[in-house]
């Protein structure tokens, strides 16, 4: 038993290092909740190392905490609709982005989290299951063109959700 404890203690102490992510100590720029009718869909926040938003300044992390169940097909369809509204659907189809994200994203439920880490070189998705402390990379890294198109859904001045954008980038205070 003593031997077991001696082996288990270092493992338990190292767990926070395993669960650490690059954005753990970044500062929040802003946060917002997306609601659809009477239903809250997700809470989102934008993080940067300094806590200030500047377009095309990297790194940034868009954190989405889901408040309801949505399957990956529905998430992909919503992304397609947003890219169409932004005039980016042709580029997305040409680069097969919709197929790539549908293969990458998990189905989500209340308590799931998907993070998009945007860097100078592109972007990477991360996922955390409900009731878990582990956030893990999912799928392959994406290009800079994908990074920009994906973040445009929330951060472009032409987004379908300007109030959400303004809250995320810190222009207006969240409710």
Protein backbone atom coordinates (compact mmCIF):
# COMPACT_ATOMS: atom_id res chain seq x y z
CA UNK A 1 0.00 0.00 0.00
CA UNK A 2 2.80 2.38 0.90
CA UNK A 3 4.44 1.69 -2.45
CA UNK A 4 1.17 2.45 -4.26
CA UNK A 5 0.86 5.81 -2.49
CA UNK A 6 4.43 6.72 -3.36
CA UNK A 7 3.68 6.08 -7.02
CA UNK A 8 0.24 7.71 -6.99
CA UNK A 9 1.21 11.00 -5.33
CA UNK A 10 3.52 12.23 -8.13
CA UNK A 11 0.88 11.27 -10.68
CA UNK A 12 -1.83 13.21 -8.82
CA UNK A 13 0.41 16.24 -8.47
CA UNK A 14 1.23 16.22 -12.18
CA UNK A 15 -2.43 16.13 -13.27
CA UNK A 16 -2.89 19.93 -13.40
CA UNK A 17 0.09 20.11 -15.75
CA UNK A 18 -1.60 17.58 -18.03
CA UNK A 19 -4.85 19.56 -17.99
CA UNK A 20 -3.16 22.93 -18.61
CA UNK A 21 -3.88 24.70 -21.88
CA UNK A 22 -2.08 27.62 -23.51
CA UNK A 23 -4.97 30.00 -22.72
CA UNK A 24 -5.37 29.04 -19.04
CA UNK A 25 -3.77 32.25 -17.82
CA UNK A 26 -4.91 34.58 -20.57
CA UNK A 27 -7.25 37.43 -19.81
CA UNK A 28 -10.83 37.69 -20.92
CA UNK A 29 -11.54 40.35 -23.54
CA UNK A 30 -15.29 39.86 -23.30
CA UNK A 31 -18.05 37.31 -23.00
CA UNK A 32 -21.55 36.85 -24.36
CA UNK A 33 -24.42 34.38 -24.40
CA UNK A 34 -26.13 33.34 -27.62
CA UNK A 35 -29.86 32.84 -27.15
CA UNK A 36 -32.32 31.47 -29.67
CA UNK A 37 -35.80 32.56 -28.66
CA UNK A 38 -36.21 31.69 -24.98
CA UNK A 39 -33.32 29.21 -25.04
CA UNK A 40 -29.69 29.92 -24.19
CA UNK A 41 -27.50 27.99 -26.65
CA UNK A 42 -23.99 28.75 -25.43
CA UNK A 43 -21.81 31.08 -23.42
CA UNK A 44 -18.76 32.36 -25.24
CA UNK A 45 -15.67 34.27 -24.32
CA UNK A 46 -12.73 35.70 -26.18
CA UNK A 47 -9.34 35.44 -24.49
CA UNK A 48 -5.96 36.97 -25.34
CA UNK A 49 -2.71 37.06 -23.39
CA UNK A 50 -3.24 40.78 -22.59
CA UNK A 51 -7.05 40.84 -22.42
CA UNK A 52 -7.40 43.24 -25.36
CA UNK A 53 -8.82 42.53 -28.81
CA UNK A 54 -7.05 43.64 -31.93
CA UNK A 55 -8.08 42.18 -35.29
CA UNK A 56 -5.42 39.94 -36.84
CA UNK A 57 -3.31 39.97 -33.65
CA UNK A 58 -2.47 36.50 -32.45
CA UNK A 59 -2.93 34.46 -30.37
CA UNK A 60 -6.62 34.49 -29.46
CA UNK A 61 -8.87 31.80 -28.02
CA UNK A 62 -12.62 31.65 -28.65
CA UNK A 63 -14.16 29.51 -25.89
CA UNK A 64 -17.70 28.18 -26.37
CA UNK A 65 -19.44 26.51 -23.42
CA UNK A 66 -22.58 24.75 -24.63
CA UNK A 67 -25.80 24.97 -22.63
CA UNK A 68 -27.78 22.42 -24.64
CA UNK A 69 -27.27 19.33 -26.78
CA UNK A 70 -26.38 19.88 -30.43
CA UNK A 71 -25.07 17.20 -32.76
CA UNK A 72 -22.08 17.82 -35.01
CA UNK A 73 -24.28 17.92 -38.13
CA UNK A 74 -26.31 20.79 -36.66
CA UNK A 75 -23.13 22.63 -35.64
CA UNK A 76 -21.78 22.21 -39.17
CA UNK A 77 -25.07 23.41 -40.72
CA UNK A 78 -25.05 26.51 -38.49
CA UNK A 79 -21.45 27.21 -39.55
CA UNK A 80 -22.43 26.81 -43.21
CA UNK A 81 -25.31 29.29 -42.77
CA UNK A 82 -23.02 31.83 -41.13
CA UNK A 83 -20.38 31.52 -43.85
CA UNK A 84 -23.09 31.94 -46.48
CA UNK A 85 -24.32 35.12 -44.77
CA UNK A 86 -20.73 36.44 -44.70
CA UNK A 87 -20.11 35.57 -48.36
CA UNK A 88 -17.52 32.92 -47.41
CA UNK A 89 -19.41 29.77 -48.37
CA UNK A 90 -17.78 29.37 -51.80
CA UNK A 91 -14.32 29.54 -50.19
CA UNK A 92 -15.40 27.05 -47.52
CA UNK A 93 -16.75 24.62 -50.12
CA UNK A 94 -13.65 24.97 -52.32
CA UNK A 95 -11.44 24.09 -49.33
CA UNK A 96 -13.77 21.36 -47.98
CA UNK A 97 -13.92 23.10 -44.60
CA UNK A 98 -17.46 21.98 -43.77
CA UNK A 99 -16.54 18.32 -44.18
CA UNK A 100 -13.39 18.88 -42.10
CA UNK A 101 -15.22 20.49 -39.19
CA UNK A 102 -17.97 17.88 -39.21
CA UNK A 103 -15.29 15.19 -38.90
CA UNK A 104 -13.49 17.17 -36.17
CA UNK A 105 -16.23 18.40 -33.87
CA UNK A 106 -17.91 16.15 -31.34
CA UNK A 107 -21.61 16.16 -30.59
CA UNK A 108 -22.04 18.57 -27.68
CA UNK A 109 -24.31 18.67 -24.65
CA UNK A 110 -24.87 20.92 -21.66
CA UNK A 111 -21.41 21.41 -20.15
CA UNK A 112 -19.38 20.61 -23.28
CA UNK A 113 -16.75 23.08 -24.35
CA UNK A 114 -15.13 23.69 -27.72
CA UNK A 115 -12.21 26.09 -27.95
CA UNK A 116 -10.69 27.48 -31.12
CA UNK A 117 -7.10 28.54 -30.53
CA UNK A 118 -6.09 31.01 -33.24
CA UNK A 119 -2.38 31.57 -33.78
CA UNK A 120 -0.21 33.25 -36.36
CA UNK A 121 0.06 29.92 -38.21
CA UNK A 122 -3.64 28.99 -38.24
CA UNK A 123 -5.91 27.40 -35.68
CA UNK A 124 -6.63 24.29 -33.66
CA UNK A 125 -9.83 23.05 -32.04
CA UNK A 126 -9.87 21.70 -28.50
CA UNK A 127 -12.70 19.92 -26.72
CA UNK A 128 -13.70 19.28 -23.12
CA UNK A 129 -16.51 16.86 -22.31
CA UNK A 130 -19.10 17.70 -19.63
CA UNK A 131 -17.88 17.00 -16.09
CA UNK A 132 -14.27 16.73 -17.24
CA UNK A 133 -11.26 18.87 -16.46
CA UNK A 134 -9.29 17.63 -19.48
CA UNK A 135 -9.25 19.77 -22.60
CA UNK A 136 -7.74 17.95 -25.56
CA UNK A 137 -6.89 18.92 -29.13
CA UNK A 138 -9.29 17.49 -31.68
CA UNK A 139 -8.65 17.08 -35.37
CA UNK A 140 -5.80 18.52 -37.36
CA UNK A 141 -4.65 22.16 -37.30
CA UNK A 142 -6.38 24.47 -39.77
CA UNK A 143 -4.91 27.05 -42.15
CA UNK A 144 -4.79 30.81 -41.64
CA UNK A 145 -7.60 31.22 -44.21
CA UNK A 146 -9.81 28.87 -42.17
CA UNK A 147 -8.82 30.66 -38.95
CA UNK A 148 -9.96 33.99 -40.35
CA UNK A 149 -13.20 32.64 -41.84
CA UNK A 150 -14.11 30.78 -38.65
CA UNK A 151 -13.48 33.74 -36.35
CA UNK A 152 -15.40 36.01 -38.74
CA UNK A 153 -18.59 34.22 -37.68
CA UNK A 154 -18.23 36.00 -34.31
CA UNK A 155 -15.74 38.81 -34.84
CA UNK A 156 -16.41 40.26 -38.29
CA UNK A 157 -18.20 43.62 -38.39
CA UNK A 158 -20.57 41.86 -40.84
CA UNK A 159 -21.52 39.06 -38.38
CA UNK A 160 -25.18 38.12 -38.01
CA UNK A 161 -24.79 38.75 -34.25
CA UNK A 162 -23.36 42.27 -33.84
CA UNK A 163 -24.29 42.56 -30.14
CA UNK A 164 -22.54 39.28 -29.38
CA UNK A 165 -19.49 40.51 -31.33
CA UNK A 166 -19.40 43.79 -29.44
CA UNK A 167 -19.57 41.98 -26.11
CA UNK A 168 -16.84 39.53 -27.11
CA UNK A 169 -14.42 42.23 -28.26
CA UNK A 170 -15.17 44.39 -25.23
CA UNK A 171 -16.91 47.26 -27.04
CA UNK A 172 -20.00 46.95 -24.87
CA UNK A 173 -20.33 45.39 -21.45
CA UNK A 174 -22.14 42.05 -21.24
CA UNK A 175 -25.64 41.96 -19.73
